Amino acid sequence: MPRVSEEHRAARRQQILDAARRCFLRDGFHSTSMQDVIAEAGLSVGAVYRYFPSKNDLITAIAQSVIGGADGVFAELAAAEPPLPLVEALERALAYVDAQTGPDGILPLAIQVWSEAQRDPALAEFVRATYTGFRGHFTTLARRAHAAGTLPADADPEAVGAALFGLVPGYFMQRILTGSPDRRTYLAGVRALAAGPIPA
């Protein structure tokens, strides 16, 4: 009997994940059953359970694709040469967000992942570690800006990185929940805040 190739296994796993993502976007994590995913994927029960023994395994894998996909984008921003001005780095991060907030994008699932992380300790740990890593990329951006003299000498890069990163989920939460503001408006507000005096 021929052995199943690694490529075939990867394609089958992705087929199941794509089906699960469609189900989760349509009906949410809690209203989607494994039977829904099996029907959506058009595979046998055994084929699906071979790759994902439980719905929690599927949710975790979806979370890794939803949240983990941004890591490469943010890492590239942090490593760009020459170092990016902070607002430009934010603008590029928000361009990625815009590309992922439509009906076929991955970010609408991020809110479901956050909610599920409140009840699943393993998923909560994954989310914590991943978002800490994201924040680290923005802290690197702030450190490089500080070294380049584009931040005040007494600025704390850790604090700046945390605040800068916080603007990203703040933007896509508003976009997903209310449909606005657009990126240009949001960035105009950020620039206005950056230009004005901030009380201690």
C-alpha atoms as a PDB file:
ATOM      1  CA  MET A   1       0.000   0.000   0.000  1.00  0.00           C
ATOM      2  CA  PRO A   2       1.554   3.366  -0.999  1.00  0.00           C
ATOM      3  CA  ARG A   3       2.545   5.682   1.813  1.00  0.00           C
ATOM      4  CA  VAL A   4       0.713   8.987   2.064  1.00  0.00           C
ATOM      5  CA  SER A   5       3.100  11.807   1.189  1.00  0.00           C
ATOM      6  CA  GLU A   6       3.874  14.691   3.507  1.00  0.00           C
ATOM      7  CA  GLU A   7       2.426  17.034   0.879  1.00  0.00           C
ATOM      8  CA  HIS A   8      -0.842  15.082   0.857  1.00  0.00           C
ATOM      9  CA  ARG A   9      -1.085  15.215   4.651  1.00  0.00           C
ATOM     10  CA  ALA A  10      -0.390  18.951   4.677  1.00  0.00           C
ATOM     11  CA  ALA A  11      -3.008  19.546   1.967  1.00  0.00           C
ATOM     12  CA  ARG A  12      -5.606  17.448   3.788  1.00  0.00           C
ATOM     13  CA  ARG A  13      -4.914  19.244   7.074  1.00  0.00           C
ATOM     14  CA  GLN A  14      -5.256  22.610   5.333  1.00  0.00           C
ATOM     15  CA  GLN A  15      -8.516  21.468   3.709  1.00  0.00           C
ATOM     16  CA  ILE A  16      -9.927  20.768   7.177  1.00  0.00           C
ATOM     17  CA  LEU A  17      -8.646  24.058   8.593  1.00  0.00           C
ATOM     18  CA  ASP A  18     -10.176  25.999   5.684  1.00  0.00           C
ATOM     19  CA  ALA A  19     -13.516  24.279   6.281  1.00  0.00           C
ATOM     20  CA  ALA A  20     -13.325  25.006  10.014  1.00  0.00           C
ATOM     21  CA  ARG A  21     -12.486  28.654   9.371  1.00  0.00           C
ATOM     22  CA  ARG A  22     -15.544  29.033   7.120  1.00  0.00           C
ATOM     23  CA  CYS A  23     -17.744  27.408   9.771  1.00  0.00           C
ATOM     24  CA  PHE A  24     -16.311  29.498  12.607  1.00  0.00           C
ATOM     25  CA  LEU A  25     -16.706  32.726  10.640  1.00  0.00           C
ATOM     26  CA  ARG A  26     -20.281  31.826   9.739  1.00  0.00           C
ATOM     27  CA  ASP A  27     -21.528  30.380  13.030  1.00  0.00           C
ATOM     28  CA  GLY A  28     -18.926  31.076  15.724  1.00  0.00           C
ATOM     29  CA  PHE A  29     -16.845  28.633  17.737  1.00  0.00           C
ATOM     30  CA  HIS A  30     -19.574  27.467  20.096  1.00  0.00           C
ATOM     31  CA  SER A  31     -22.307  26.970  17.510  1.00  0.00           C
ATOM     32  CA  THR A  32     -20.043  24.958  15.222  1.00  0.00           C
ATOM     33  CA  SER A  33     -19.822  21.220  15.831  1.00  0.00           C
ATOM     34  CA  MET A  34     -17.252  18.774  14.551  1.00  0.00           C
ATOM     35  CA  GLN A  35     -20.022  17.348  12.347  1.00  0.00           C
ATOM     36  CA  ASP A  36     -20.418  20.809  10.763  1.00  0.00           C
ATOM     37  CA  VAL A  37     -16.703  20.905   9.973  1.00  0.00           C
ATOM     38  CA  ILE A  38     -16.748  17.348   8.600  1.00  0.00           C
ATOM     39  CA  ALA A  39     -19.656  18.190   6.300  1.00  0.00           C
ATOM     40  CA  GLU A  40     -18.034  21.467   5.194  1.00  0.00           C
ATOM     41  CA  ALA A  41     -14.743  19.698   4.433  1.00  0.00           C
ATOM     42  CA  GLY A  42     -16.514  16.891   2.521  1.00  0.00           C
ATOM     43  CA  LEU A  43     -14.389  14.267   4.263  1.00  0.00           C
ATOM     44  CA  SER A  44     -15.082  11.208   6.349  1.00  0.00           C
ATOM     45  CA  VAL A  45     -15.360  11.374  10.127  1.00  0.00           C
ATOM     46  CA  GLY A  46     -12.165   9.349  10.476  1.00  0.00           C
ATOM     47  CA  ALA A  47     -10.214  11.595   8.114  1.00  0.00           C
ATOM     48  CA  VAL A  48     -11.021  14.709  10.131  1.00  0.00           C
ATOM     49  CA  TYR A  49     -10.475  13.146  13.566  1.00  0.00           C
ATOM     50  CA  ARG A  50      -7.138  11.737  12.406  1.00  0.00           C
ATOM     51  CA  TYR A  51      -5.834  15.304  12.128  1.00  0.00           C
ATOM     52  CA  PHE A  52      -7.908  17.012  14.812  1.00  0.00           C
ATOM     53  CA  PRO A  53      -9.138  14.739  17.640  1.00  0.00           C
ATOM     54  CA  SER A  54     -11.351  17.484  19.135  1.00  0.00           C
ATOM     55  CA  LYS A  55     -12.878  20.846  18.384  1.00  0.00           C
ATOM     56  CA  ASN A  56     -10.437  22.404  20.842  1.00  0.00           C
ATOM     57  CA  ASP A  57      -7.581  21.138  18.671  1.00  0.00           C
ATOM     58  CA  LEU A  58      -9.197  22.796  15.678  1.00  0.00           C
ATOM     59  CA  ILE A  59      -9.710  26.066  17.568  1.00  0.00           C
ATOM     60  CA  THR A  60      -6.078  26.074  18.690  1.00  0.00           C
ATOM     61  CA  ALA A  61      -4.852  25.464  15.145  1.00  0.00           C
ATOM     62  CA  ILE A  62      -7.106  28.240  13.833  1.00  0.00           C
ATOM     63  CA  ALA A  63      -5.810  30.561  16.570  1.00  0.00           C
ATOM     64  CA  GLN A  64      -2.245  29.825  15.523  1.00  0.00           C
ATOM     65  CA  SER A  65      -3.033  30.745  11.928  1.00  0.00           C
ATOM     66  CA  VAL A  66      -5.111  33.804  12.877  1.00  0.00           C
ATOM     67  CA  ILE A  67      -2.800  35.326  15.456  1.00  0.00           C
ATOM     68  CA  GLY A  68       0.518  33.841  14.434  1.00  0.00           C
ATOM     69  CA  GLY A  69       0.275  35.071  10.842  1.00  0.00           C
ATOM     70  CA  ALA A  70       0.926  38.661  11.916  1.00  0.00           C
ATOM     71  CA  ASP A  71       4.241  37.840  13.582  1.00  0.00           C
ATOM     72  CA  GLY A  72       6.239  37.843  10.363  1.00  0.00           C
ATOM     73  CA  VAL A  73       4.716  41.165   9.310  1.00  0.00           C
ATOM     74  CA  PHE A  74       5.559  42.848  12.609  1.00  0.00           C
ATOM     75  CA  ALA A  75       9.047  41.303  12.718  1.00  0.00           C
ATOM     76  CA  GLU A  76       9.808  42.729   9.261  1.00  0.00           C
ATOM     77  CA  LEU A  77       8.679  46.170  10.375  1.00  0.00           C
ATOM     78  CA  ALA A  78      10.932  45.992  13.428  1.00  0.00           C
ATOM     79  CA  ALA A  79      13.965  44.912  11.356  1.00  0.00           C
ATOM     80  CA  ALA A  80      13.505  47.329   8.431  1.00  0.00           C
ATOM     81  CA  GLU A  81      16.582  49.244   7.270  1.00  0.00           C
ATOM     82  CA  PRO A  82      16.795  52.114   7.771  1.00  0.00           C
ATOM     83  CA  PRO A  83      14.597  52.044  10.898  1.00  0.00           C
ATOM     84  CA  LEU A  84      11.037  53.101  10.124  1.00  0.00           C
ATOM     85  CA  PRO A  85       9.523  56.216  11.694  1.00  0.00           C
ATOM     86  CA  LEU A  86       7.005  54.978  14.245  1.00  0.00           C
ATOM     87  CA  VAL A  87       3.907  56.347  12.516  1.00  0.00           C
ATOM     88  CA  GLU A  88       5.037  54.839   9.215  1.00  0.00           C
ATOM     89  CA  ALA A  89       5.547  51.468  10.916  1.00  0.00           C
ATOM     90  CA  LEU A  90       2.056  51.758  12.395  1.00  0.00           C
ATOM     91  CA  GLU A  91       0.628  52.648   8.986  1.00  0.00           C
ATOM     92  CA  ARG A  92       2.153  49.501   7.470  1.00  0.00           C
ATOM     93  CA  ALA A  93       0.830  47.385  10.328  1.00  0.00           C
ATOM     94  CA  LEU A  94      -2.653  48.830   9.793  1.00  0.00           C
ATOM     95  CA  ALA A  95      -2.406  48.123   6.044  1.00  0.00           C
ATOM     96  CA  TYR A  96      -1.948  44.455   6.982  1.00  0.00           C
ATOM     97  CA  VAL A  97      -4.975  44.748   9.279  1.00  0.00           C
ATOM     98  CA  ASP A  98      -7.078  46.205   6.467  1.00  0.00           C
ATOM     99  CA  ALA A  99      -6.128  43.276   4.227  1.00  0.00           C
ATOM    100  CA  GLN A 100      -7.330  40.830   6.891  1.00  0.00           C
ATOM    101  CA  THR A 101     -10.593  42.381   8.134  1.00  0.00           C
ATOM    102  CA  GLY A 102     -12.846  41.599   5.163  1.00  0.00           C
ATOM    103  CA  PRO A 103     -15.257  38.654   5.024  1.00  0.00           C
ATOM    104  CA  ASP A 104     -12.454  36.319   3.935  1.00  0.00           C
ATOM    105  CA  GLY A 105      -9.852  37.807   6.262  1.00  0.00           C
ATOM    106  CA  ILE A 106      -8.549  36.138   9.390  1.00  0.00           C
ATOM    107  CA  LEU A 107      -8.928  38.948  11.912  1.00  0.00           C
ATOM    108  CA  PRO A 108     -12.692  38.630  12.550  1.00  0.00           C
ATOM    109  CA  LEU A 109     -11.785  35.296  14.143  1.00  0.00           C
ATOM    110  CA  ALA A 110      -9.272  36.991  16.456  1.00  0.00           C
ATOM    111  CA  ILE A 111     -12.090  38.333  18.631  1.00  0.00           C
ATOM    112  CA  GLN A 112     -13.468  34.809  18.984  1.00  0.00           C
ATOM    113  CA  VAL A 113      -9.973  33.577  19.876  1.00  0.00           C
ATOM    114  CA  TRP A 114      -9.692  36.214  22.613  1.00  0.00           C
ATOM    115  CA  SER A 115     -13.045  35.130  24.026  1.00  0.00           C
ATOM    116  CA  GLU A 116     -12.179  31.433  23.905  1.00  0.00           C
ATOM    117  CA  ALA A 117      -8.857  32.143  25.629  1.00  0.00           C
ATOM    118  CA  GLN A 118     -10.798  33.273  28.718  1.00  0.00           C
ATOM    119  CA  ARG A 119     -11.970  29.694  29.288  1.00  0.00           C
ATOM    120  CA  ASP A 120      -9.205  27.565  27.779  1.00  0.00           C
ATOM    121  CA  PRO A 121      -5.909  27.808  29.761  1.00  0.00           C
ATOM    122  CA  ALA A 122      -3.794  26.298  26.969  1.00  0.00           C
ATOM    123  CA  LEU A 123      -5.182  28.732  24.398  1.00  0.00           C
ATOM    124  CA  ALA A 124      -4.789  31.581  26.899  1.00  0.00           C
ATOM    125  CA  GLU A 125      -1.102  30.759  27.258  1.00  0.00           C
ATOM    126  CA  PHE A 126      -0.651  30.698  23.488  1.00  0.00           C
ATOM    127  CA  VAL A 127      -2.404  34.075  23.130  1.00  0.00           C
ATOM    128  CA  ARG A 128      -0.375  35.564  25.991  1.00  0.00           C
ATOM    129  CA  ALA A 129       2.940  34.405  24.538  1.00  0.00           C
ATOM    130  CA  THR A 130       2.041  35.481  21.007  1.00  0.00           C
ATOM    131  CA  TYR A 131       0.826  38.939  21.949  1.00  0.00           C
ATOM    132  CA  THR A 132       3.840  39.441  24.198  1.00  0.00           C
ATOM    133  CA  GLY A 133       5.962  38.664  21.142  1.00  0.00           C
ATOM    134  CA  PHE A 134       3.997  41.140  19.039  1.00  0.00           C
ATOM    135  CA  ARG A 135       4.520  43.827  21.654  1.00  0.00           C
ATOM    136  CA  GLY A 136       8.227  42.988  21.632  1.00  0.00           C
ATOM    137  CA  HIS A 137       8.444  43.858  17.936  1.00  0.00           C
ATOM    138  CA  PHE A 138       6.913  47.260  18.625  1.00  0.00           C
ATOM    139  CA  THR A 139       9.262  47.770  21.547  1.00  0.00           C
ATOM    140  CA  THR A 140      12.148  47.058  19.164  1.00  0.00           C
ATOM    141  CA  LEU A 141      10.753  49.720  16.828  1.00  0.00           C
ATOM    142  CA  ALA A 142      10.648  52.173  19.738  1.00  0.00           C
ATOM    143  CA  ARG A 143      14.181  51.299  20.860  1.00  0.00           C
ATOM    144  CA  ARG A 144      15.512  51.893  17.368  1.00  0.00           C
ATOM    145  CA  ALA A 145      13.655  55.189  17.148  1.00  0.00           C
ATOM    146  CA  HIS A 146      15.092  56.157  20.540  1.00  0.00           C
ATOM    147  CA  ALA A 147      18.618  55.305  19.388  1.00  0.00           C
ATOM    148  CA  ALA A 148      18.069  57.338  16.212  1.00  0.00           C
ATOM    149  CA  GLY A 149      17.012  60.356  18.265  1.00  0.00           C
ATOM    150  CA  THR A 150      13.448  60.481  16.946  1.00  0.00           C
ATOM    151  CA  LEU A 151      12.025  59.953  20.438  1.00  0.00           C
ATOM    152  CA  PRO A 152      12.666  62.247  23.394  1.00  0.00           C
ATOM    153  CA  ALA A 153      15.771  61.274  25.359  1.00  0.00           C
ATOM    154  CA  ASP A 154      13.705  60.507  28.456  1.00  0.00           C
ATOM    155  CA  ALA A 155      11.171  58.335  26.590  1.00  0.00           C
ATOM    156  CA  ASP A 156      10.816  54.754  27.800  1.00  0.00           C
ATOM    157  CA  PRO A 157      10.926  52.457  24.725  1.00  0.00           C
ATOM    158  CA  GLU A 158       9.017  49.732  26.622  1.00  0.00           C
ATOM    159  CA  ALA A 159       6.170  52.157  27.321  1.00  0.00           C
ATOM    160  CA  VAL A 160       6.205  53.545  23.772  1.00  0.00           C
ATOM    161  CA  GLY A 161       6.230  50.040  22.285  1.00  0.00           C
ATOM    162  CA  ALA A 162       3.289  48.953  24.451  1.00  0.00           C
ATOM    163  CA  ALA A 163       1.253  52.030  23.508  1.00  0.00           C
ATOM    164  CA  LEU A 164       2.126  51.724  19.817  1.00  0.00           C
ATOM    165  CA  PHE A 165       1.171  48.055  19.692  1.00  0.00           C
ATOM    166  CA  GLY A 166      -2.089  48.784  21.526  1.00  0.00           C
ATOM    167  CA  LEU A 167      -3.147  50.971  18.598  1.00  0.00           C
ATOM    168  CA  VAL A 168      -3.250  47.941  16.265  1.00  0.00           C
ATOM    169  CA  PRO A 169      -5.950  45.814  17.980  1.00  0.00           C
ATOM    170  CA  GLY A 170      -7.721  49.060  18.875  1.00  0.00           C
ATOM    171  CA  TYR A 171      -7.982  49.850  15.188  1.00  0.00           C
ATOM    172  CA  PHE A 172      -9.194  46.475  14.000  1.00  0.00           C
ATOM    173  CA  MET A 173     -11.670  46.106  16.870  1.00  0.00           C
ATOM    174  CA  GLN A 174     -13.305  49.352  15.762  1.00  0.00           C
ATOM    175  CA  ARG A 175     -13.199  48.345  12.105  1.00  0.00           C
ATOM    176  CA  ILE A 176     -14.792  44.958  12.773  1.00  0.00           C
ATOM    177  CA  LEU A 177     -17.396  46.160  15.277  1.00  0.00           C
ATOM    178  CA  THR A 178     -18.404  49.491  13.721  1.00  0.00           C
ATOM    179  CA  GLY A 179     -16.977  49.555  10.188  1.00  0.00           C
ATOM    180  CA  SER A 180     -14.982  52.700  10.901  1.00  0.00           C
ATOM    181  CA  PRO A 181     -12.737  54.693  11.107  1.00  0.00           C
ATOM    182  CA  ASP A 182     -10.757  54.199   7.938  1.00  0.00           C
ATOM    183  CA  ARG A 183      -6.984  53.964   8.170  1.00  0.00           C
ATOM    184  CA  ARG A 184      -6.367  57.550   7.018  1.00  0.00           C
ATOM    185  CA  THR A 185      -8.675  58.982   9.684  1.00  0.00           C
ATOM    186  CA  TYR A 186      -7.191  56.791  12.403  1.00  0.00           C
ATOM    187  CA  LEU A 187      -3.639  57.762  11.496  1.00  0.00           C
ATOM    188  CA  ALA A 188      -4.591  61.437  11.413  1.00  0.00           C
ATOM    189  CA  GLY A 189      -5.767  61.059  15.006  1.00  0.00           C
ATOM    190  CA  VAL A 190      -2.537  59.296  15.984  1.00  0.00           C
ATOM    191  CA  ARG A 191      -0.458  62.077  14.412  1.00  0.00           C
ATOM    192  CA  ALA A 192      -2.488  64.707  16.246  1.00  0.00           C
ATOM    193  CA  LEU A 193      -1.909  62.951  19.552  1.00  0.00           C
ATOM    194  CA  ALA A 194       1.804  62.589  18.841  1.00  0.00           C
ATOM    195  CA  ALA A 195       2.111  66.303  18.033  1.00  0.00           C
ATOM    196  CA  GLY A 196       0.307  67.569  21.112  1.00  0.00           C
ATOM    197  CA  PRO A 197       1.640  67.839  24.675  1.00  0.00           C
ATOM    198  CA  ILE A 198       0.870  64.806  26.828  1.00  0.00           C
ATOM    199  CA  PRO A 199       0.506  65.549  30.563  1.00  0.00           C
ATOM    200  CA  ALA A 200       2.652  63.483  32.920  1.00  0.00           C
END
